[in-house]
Amino acid sequence: DRQYLLSLDPDRLLIMFRVTAGIDSYVPALGGWESPGSGLRGHTLGHYLSACSLMYASTGDERLKARTDLLVAELAKCQDKMVEQGYHAGYLSAFPESFFDLVDAQKPVWAPWYTMHKIMAGLLDVHVHTGNAQALDVLQRLADWVKFRIDRLTPEQMQGALKTEHGGMNEVLANLYAVTGNPDHLRLAQAFNHQAVF
């Protein structure tokens, strides 16, 4: 498993984040669910951050920490550039922010909150398991963006949006609250509770 993780090309995992941020990239995009036309693009990098962090915690292999440090630094650059592309502050993804407008409008779209959950969980795992402070900074800025998105909706609109898609956002935001103690993070986690299910 460790050999497999180290065999993956960070630039290919990052490419669609860079494209979305308007940063030139010269490597081919990954295929399948990470292809440029996929609604799930970006989720693999989130899974990858979690996997490398957990493998580092298990093995102490510094190559894995170096890999996560590199990816977090590059994601931070993308996050900074997203604003220049017209996205709201803190946004970080491999697809346009307009995907979330489709969720809010209860229109078909393939799992942007699921993908965001994986990105945020990956950043949290990097912070918790490798001690990377930049990962927490990027994550908190992303949580501020989530707050911006959610605070625009009434509770009724939010529950309607959850009929379309919500991933595991309540989980990652609750876990972030456990680290930060920021009451906004807990409130946002609770906003993602789909009352029709509970």
C-alpha atoms as a PDB file:
ATOM      1  CA  ASP A   1       0.000   0.000   0.000  1.00  0.00           C
ATOM      2  CA  ARG A   2       2.819   2.385   0.843  1.00  0.00           C
ATOM      3  CA  GLN A   3       4.553   1.652  -2.442  1.00  0.00           C
ATOM      4  CA  TYR A   4       1.335   2.310  -4.321  1.00  0.00           C
ATOM      5  CA  LEU A   5       0.782   5.657  -2.573  1.00  0.00           C
ATOM      6  CA  LEU A   6       4.319   6.747  -3.396  1.00  0.00           C
ATOM      7  CA  SER A   7       3.900   5.683  -7.025  1.00  0.00           C
ATOM      8  CA  LEU A   8       1.182   8.251  -7.759  1.00  0.00           C
ATOM      9  CA  ASP A   9       2.126  11.534  -9.440  1.00  0.00           C
ATOM     10  CA  PRO A  10       1.220  14.574  -7.294  1.00  0.00           C
ATOM     11  CA  ASP A  11       0.982  16.809 -10.350  1.00  0.00           C
ATOM     12  CA  ARG A  12      -1.672  14.593 -11.912  1.00  0.00           C
ATOM     13  CA  LEU A  13      -3.657  14.620  -8.658  1.00  0.00           C
ATOM     14  CA  LEU A  14      -3.431  18.431  -8.596  1.00  0.00           C
ATOM     15  CA  ILE A  15      -4.077  19.237 -12.237  1.00  0.00           C
ATOM     16  CA  MET A  16      -7.813  19.958 -12.118  1.00  0.00           C
ATOM     17  CA  PHE A  17      -7.386  22.086  -8.975  1.00  0.00           C
ATOM     18  CA  ARG A  18      -4.781  24.090 -10.874  1.00  0.00           C
ATOM     19  CA  VAL A  19      -6.955  24.357 -13.972  1.00  0.00           C
ATOM     20  CA  THR A  20      -9.902  25.595 -11.880  1.00  0.00           C
ATOM     21  CA  ALA A  21      -7.595  28.143 -10.233  1.00  0.00           C
ATOM     22  CA  GLY A  22      -6.241  29.341 -13.577  1.00  0.00           C
ATOM     23  CA  ILE A  23      -2.731  27.964 -12.986  1.00  0.00           C
ATOM     24  CA  ASP A  24      -0.951  26.520 -16.012  1.00  0.00           C
ATOM     25  CA  SER A  25      -0.393  22.792 -15.793  1.00  0.00           C
ATOM     26  CA  TYR A  26       1.380  20.613 -18.309  1.00  0.00           C
ATOM     27  CA  VAL A  27       0.594  17.076 -17.226  1.00  0.00           C
ATOM     28  CA  PRO A  28      -2.290  14.957 -18.524  1.00  0.00           C
ATOM     29  CA  ALA A  29      -5.347  14.728 -16.317  1.00  0.00           C
ATOM     30  CA  LEU A  30      -6.202  11.427 -14.703  1.00  0.00           C
ATOM     31  CA  GLY A  31      -9.023   9.442 -16.252  1.00  0.00           C
ATOM     32  CA  GLY A  32     -12.250   7.973 -14.964  1.00  0.00           C
ATOM     33  CA  TRP A  33     -13.857   9.879 -12.116  1.00  0.00           C
ATOM     34  CA  GLU A  34     -10.922  12.333 -12.181  1.00  0.00           C
ATOM     35  CA  SER A  35     -11.291  13.215 -15.861  1.00  0.00           C
ATOM     36  CA  PRO A  36     -11.908  16.897 -16.715  1.00  0.00           C
ATOM     37  CA  GLY A  37     -15.600  16.287 -17.412  1.00  0.00           C
ATOM     38  CA  SER A  38     -16.368  14.298 -14.284  1.00  0.00           C
ATOM     39  CA  GLY A  39     -18.510  15.777 -11.541  1.00  0.00           C
ATOM     40  CA  LEU A  40     -16.393  13.969  -8.942  1.00  0.00           C
ATOM     41  CA  ARG A  41     -13.013  15.336  -9.990  1.00  0.00           C
ATOM     42  CA  GLY A  42     -10.902  16.237  -6.967  1.00  0.00           C
ATOM     43  CA  HIS A  43     -12.216  13.582  -4.600  1.00  0.00           C
ATOM     44  CA  THR A  44      -9.243  11.274  -5.204  1.00  0.00           C
ATOM     45  CA  LEU A  45      -6.813  13.874  -3.872  1.00  0.00           C
ATOM     46  CA  GLY A  46      -8.855  14.057  -0.684  1.00  0.00           C
ATOM     47  CA  HIS A  47      -8.750  10.283  -0.260  1.00  0.00           C
ATOM     48  CA  TYR A  48      -5.041  10.365  -1.080  1.00  0.00           C
ATOM     49  CA  LEU A  49      -4.262  12.940   1.626  1.00  0.00           C
ATOM     50  CA  SER A  50      -6.060  10.768   4.181  1.00  0.00           C
ATOM     51  CA  ALA A  51      -4.304   7.601   3.002  1.00  0.00           C
ATOM     52  CA  CYS A  52      -0.826   9.154   3.072  1.00  0.00           C
ATOM     53  CA  SER A  53      -1.463  10.684   6.505  1.00  0.00           C
ATOM     54  CA  LEU A  54      -2.668   7.424   7.997  1.00  0.00           C
ATOM     55  CA  MET A  55       0.183   5.485   6.390  1.00  0.00           C
ATOM     56  CA  TYR A  56       2.648   8.023   7.798  1.00  0.00           C
ATOM     57  CA  ALA A  57       1.107   7.609  11.255  1.00  0.00           C
ATOM     58  CA  SER A  58       1.468   3.833  10.875  1.00  0.00           C
ATOM     59  CA  THR A  59       4.992   3.707   9.454  1.00  0.00           C
ATOM     60  CA  GLY A  60       6.753   6.992  10.198  1.00  0.00           C
ATOM     61  CA  ASP A  61       7.937   7.049   6.575  1.00  0.00           C
ATOM     62  CA  GLU A  62       9.005  10.663   6.029  1.00  0.00           C
ATOM     63  CA  ARG A  63       8.432  10.364   2.280  1.00  0.00           C
ATOM     64  CA  LEU A  64       4.707  10.256   2.965  1.00  0.00           C
ATOM     65  CA  LYS A  65       4.832  13.368   5.137  1.00  0.00           C
ATOM     66  CA  ALA A  66       6.863  15.122   2.443  1.00  0.00           C
ATOM     67  CA  ARG A  67       4.195  14.154  -0.086  1.00  0.00           C
ATOM     68  CA  THR A  68       1.358  15.562   2.009  1.00  0.00           C
ATOM     69  CA  ASP A  69       3.345  18.720   2.777  1.00  0.00           C
ATOM     70  CA  LEU A  70       3.893  19.261  -0.951  1.00  0.00           C
ATOM     71  CA  LEU A  71       0.246  18.716  -1.822  1.00  0.00           C
ATOM     72  CA  VAL A  72      -1.026  21.008   0.931  1.00  0.00           C
ATOM     73  CA  ALA A  73       1.362  23.781  -0.153  1.00  0.00           C
ATOM     74  CA  GLU A  74       0.160  23.456  -3.743  1.00  0.00           C
ATOM     75  CA  LEU A  75      -3.494  23.412  -2.678  1.00  0.00           C
ATOM     76  CA  ALA A  76      -2.872  26.600  -0.687  1.00  0.00           C
ATOM     77  CA  LYS A  77      -1.576  28.246  -3.868  1.00  0.00           C
ATOM     78  CA  CYS A  78      -4.699  27.132  -5.714  1.00  0.00           C
ATOM     79  CA  GLN A  79      -6.927  28.445  -2.928  1.00  0.00           C
ATOM     80  CA  ASP A  80      -5.230  31.848  -3.135  1.00  0.00           C
ATOM     81  CA  LYS A  81      -5.685  31.983  -6.915  1.00  0.00           C
ATOM     82  CA  MET A  82      -9.341  30.932  -6.876  1.00  0.00           C
ATOM     83  CA  VAL A  83     -10.397  34.460  -5.920  1.00  0.00           C
ATOM     84  CA  GLU A  84      -8.786  35.787  -9.111  1.00  0.00           C
ATOM     85  CA  GLN A  85     -11.039  33.398 -11.057  1.00  0.00           C
ATOM     86  CA  GLY A  86     -14.138  34.942  -9.492  1.00  0.00           C
ATOM     87  CA  TYR A  87     -14.699  32.370  -6.750  1.00  0.00           C
ATOM     88  CA  HIS A  88     -15.571  33.387  -3.227  1.00  0.00           C
ATOM     89  CA  ALA A  89     -12.752  33.587  -0.681  1.00  0.00           C
ATOM     90  CA  GLY A  90     -11.668  30.255   0.750  1.00  0.00           C
ATOM     91  CA  TYR A  91     -13.054  28.161  -2.103  1.00  0.00           C
ATOM     92  CA  LEU A  92     -10.890  25.217  -3.117  1.00  0.00           C
ATOM     93  CA  SER A  93     -11.975  22.545  -5.562  1.00  0.00           C
ATOM     94  CA  ALA A  94     -11.225  20.856  -8.865  1.00  0.00           C
ATOM     95  CA  PHE A  95     -14.541  22.035 -10.360  1.00  0.00           C
ATOM     96  CA  PRO A  96     -16.418  25.354 -10.520  1.00  0.00           C
ATOM     97  CA  GLU A  97     -18.281  26.761  -7.555  1.00  0.00           C
ATOM     98  CA  SER A  98     -21.413  26.782  -9.730  1.00  0.00           C
ATOM     99  CA  PHE A  99     -21.824  23.058  -8.982  1.00  0.00           C
ATOM    100  CA  PHE A 100     -22.974  24.093  -5.507  1.00  0.00           C
ATOM    101  CA  ASP A 101     -25.515  26.491  -7.008  1.00  0.00           C
ATOM    102  CA  LEU A 102     -27.102  23.426  -8.629  1.00  0.00           C
ATOM    103  CA  VAL A 103     -27.355  21.722  -5.244  1.00  0.00           C
ATOM    104  CA  ASP A 104     -28.975  24.817  -3.729  1.00  0.00           C
ATOM    105  CA  ALA A 105     -31.453  24.932  -6.638  1.00  0.00           C
ATOM    106  CA  GLN A 106     -32.181  21.197  -6.157  1.00  0.00           C
ATOM    107  CA  LYS A 107     -31.035  20.439  -9.695  1.00  0.00           C
ATOM    108  CA  PRO A 108     -29.146  17.299 -10.762  1.00  0.00           C
ATOM    109  CA  VAL A 109     -25.398  17.396 -10.102  1.00  0.00           C
ATOM    110  CA  TRP A 110     -22.913  14.676  -9.231  1.00  0.00           C
ATOM    111  CA  ALA A 111     -21.924  14.995  -5.593  1.00  0.00           C
ATOM    112  CA  PRO A 112     -20.005  18.255  -5.043  1.00  0.00           C
ATOM    113  CA  TRP A 113     -20.526  18.087  -1.275  1.00  0.00           C
ATOM    114  CA  TYR A 114     -19.250  14.502  -1.230  1.00  0.00           C
ATOM    115  CA  THR A 115     -16.128  15.671  -3.032  1.00  0.00           C
ATOM    116  CA  MET A 116     -15.740  18.660  -0.700  1.00  0.00           C
ATOM    117  CA  HIS A 117     -16.105  16.326   2.279  1.00  0.00           C
ATOM    118  CA  LYS A 118     -13.217  14.205   0.990  1.00  0.00           C
ATOM    119  CA  ILE A 119     -10.986  17.247   0.398  1.00  0.00           C
ATOM    120  CA  MET A 120     -11.727  18.669   3.836  1.00  0.00           C
ATOM    121  CA  ALA A 121     -11.313  15.296   5.570  1.00  0.00           C
ATOM    122  CA  GLY A 122      -7.982  14.823   3.801  1.00  0.00           C
ATOM    123  CA  LEU A 123      -6.739  18.213   4.995  1.00  0.00           C
ATOM    124  CA  LEU A 124      -7.886  17.442   8.533  1.00  0.00           C
ATOM    125  CA  ASP A 125      -6.123  14.078   8.475  1.00  0.00           C
ATOM    126  CA  VAL A 126      -2.911  15.747   7.302  1.00  0.00           C
ATOM    127  CA  HIS A 127      -3.100  18.174  10.212  1.00  0.00           C
ATOM    128  CA  VAL A 128      -4.015  15.579  12.840  1.00  0.00           C
ATOM    129  CA  HIS A 129      -1.643  12.799  11.751  1.00  0.00           C
ATOM    130  CA  THR A 130       1.362  14.749  10.431  1.00  0.00           C
ATOM    131  CA  GLY A 131       1.171  18.002  12.391  1.00  0.00           C
ATOM    132  CA  ASN A 132       0.949  20.184   9.286  1.00  0.00           C
ATOM    133  CA  ALA A 133      -0.326  23.602  10.439  1.00  0.00           C
ATOM    134  CA  GLN A 134      -0.833  24.842   6.864  1.00  0.00           C
ATOM    135  CA  ALA A 135      -3.372  22.067   6.279  1.00  0.00           C
ATOM    136  CA  LEU A 136      -5.466  23.388   9.164  1.00  0.00           C
ATOM    137  CA  ASP A 137      -5.190  26.937   7.807  1.00  0.00           C
ATOM    138  CA  VAL A 138      -6.361  25.883   4.330  1.00  0.00           C
ATOM    139  CA  LEU A 139      -9.147  23.831   5.906  1.00  0.00           C
ATOM    140  CA  GLN A 140     -10.386  26.660   8.129  1.00  0.00           C
ATOM    141  CA  ARG A 141     -10.462  29.009   5.144  1.00  0.00           C
ATOM    142  CA  LEU A 142     -12.471  26.379   3.302  1.00  0.00           C
ATOM    143  CA  ALA A 143     -14.812  26.091   6.287  1.00  0.00           C
ATOM    144  CA  ASP A 144     -15.281  29.866   6.133  1.00  0.00           C
ATOM    145  CA  TRP A 145     -16.367  29.413   2.526  1.00  0.00           C
ATOM    146  CA  VAL A 146     -18.822  26.707   3.613  1.00  0.00           C
ATOM    147  CA  LYS A 147     -20.190  29.166   6.185  1.00  0.00           C
ATOM    148  CA  PHE A 148     -20.665  31.750   3.435  1.00  0.00           C
ATOM    149  CA  ARG A 149     -22.580  29.206   1.325  1.00  0.00           C
ATOM    150  CA  ILE A 150     -24.775  27.894   4.112  1.00  0.00           C
ATOM    151  CA  ASP A 151     -25.544  31.201   5.830  1.00  0.00           C
ATOM    152  CA  ARG A 152     -27.176  32.448   2.607  1.00  0.00           C
ATOM    153  CA  LEU A 153     -29.863  29.758   2.874  1.00  0.00           C
ATOM    154  CA  THR A 154     -32.881  29.587   5.127  1.00  0.00           C
ATOM    155  CA  PRO A 155     -33.217  26.336   7.113  1.00  0.00           C
ATOM    156  CA  GLU A 156     -35.975  25.305   4.691  1.00  0.00           C
ATOM    157  CA  GLN A 157     -33.765  25.986   1.656  1.00  0.00           C
ATOM    158  CA  MET A 158     -30.922  24.063   3.280  1.00  0.00           C
ATOM    159  CA  GLN A 159     -33.113  21.037   3.942  1.00  0.00           C
ATOM    160  CA  GLY A 160     -34.299  21.203   0.343  1.00  0.00           C
ATOM    161  CA  ALA A 161     -30.714  21.275  -0.891  1.00  0.00           C
ATOM    162  CA  LEU A 162     -29.910  18.218   1.236  1.00  0.00           C
ATOM    163  CA  LYS A 163     -32.478  16.271  -0.805  1.00  0.00           C
ATOM    164  CA  THR A 164     -30.107  16.688  -3.745  1.00  0.00           C
ATOM    165  CA  GLU A 165     -26.771  15.874  -2.103  1.00  0.00           C
ATOM    166  CA  HIS A 166     -24.718  16.493   1.042  1.00  0.00           C
ATOM    167  CA  GLY A 167     -21.931  13.939   1.276  1.00  0.00           C
ATOM    168  CA  GLY A 168     -20.562  13.591   4.797  1.00  0.00           C
ATOM    169  CA  MET A 169     -20.172  17.290   5.511  1.00  0.00           C
ATOM    170  CA  ASN A 170     -21.699  17.038   8.979  1.00  0.00           C
ATOM    171  CA  GLU A 171     -19.000  14.513   9.925  1.00  0.00           C
ATOM    172  CA  VAL A 172     -15.982  16.504   8.752  1.00  0.00           C
ATOM    173  CA  LEU A 173     -17.278  19.762  10.215  1.00  0.00           C
ATOM    174  CA  ALA A 174     -17.947  18.090  13.572  1.00  0.00           C
ATOM    175  CA  ASN A 175     -14.438  16.637  13.496  1.00  0.00           C
ATOM    176  CA  LEU A 176     -13.051  20.070  12.664  1.00  0.00           C
ATOM    177  CA  TYR A 177     -14.971  21.527  15.604  1.00  0.00           C
ATOM    178  CA  ALA A 178     -13.321  18.926  17.853  1.00  0.00           C
ATOM    179  CA  VAL A 179      -9.948  20.350  16.807  1.00  0.00           C
ATOM    180  CA  THR A 180     -10.736  24.080  16.710  1.00  0.00           C
ATOM    181  CA  GLY A 181     -13.488  24.531  19.278  1.00  0.00           C
ATOM    182  CA  ASN A 182     -14.984  27.088  16.880  1.00  0.00           C
ATOM    183  CA  PRO A 183     -18.758  27.073  17.481  1.00  0.00           C
ATOM    184  CA  ASP A 184     -19.365  27.994  13.833  1.00  0.00           C
ATOM    185  CA  HIS A 185     -17.906  24.650  12.807  1.00  0.00           C
ATOM    186  CA  LEU A 186     -20.364  22.771  15.040  1.00  0.00           C
ATOM    187  CA  ARG A 187     -23.278  24.903  13.849  1.00  0.00           C
ATOM    188  CA  LEU A 188     -22.358  24.200  10.221  1.00  0.00           C
ATOM    189  CA  ALA A 189     -22.092  20.482  10.960  1.00  0.00           C
ATOM    190  CA  GLN A 190     -25.600  20.532  12.393  1.00  0.00           C
ATOM    191  CA  ALA A 191     -26.901  22.458   9.361  1.00  0.00           C
ATOM    192  CA  PHE A 192     -25.960  19.443   7.231  1.00  0.00           C
ATOM    193  CA  ASN A 193     -28.124  17.090   9.304  1.00  0.00           C
ATOM    194  CA  HIS A 194     -30.808  15.893   6.886  1.00  0.00           C
ATOM    195  CA  GLN A 195     -33.901  15.991   9.030  1.00  0.00           C
ATOM    196  CA  ALA A 196     -35.902  13.805   6.644  1.00  0.00           C
ATOM    197  CA  VAL A 197     -33.423  11.013   7.410  1.00  0.00           C
ATOM    198  CA  PHE A 198     -33.088  11.608  11.139  1.00  0.00           C
END
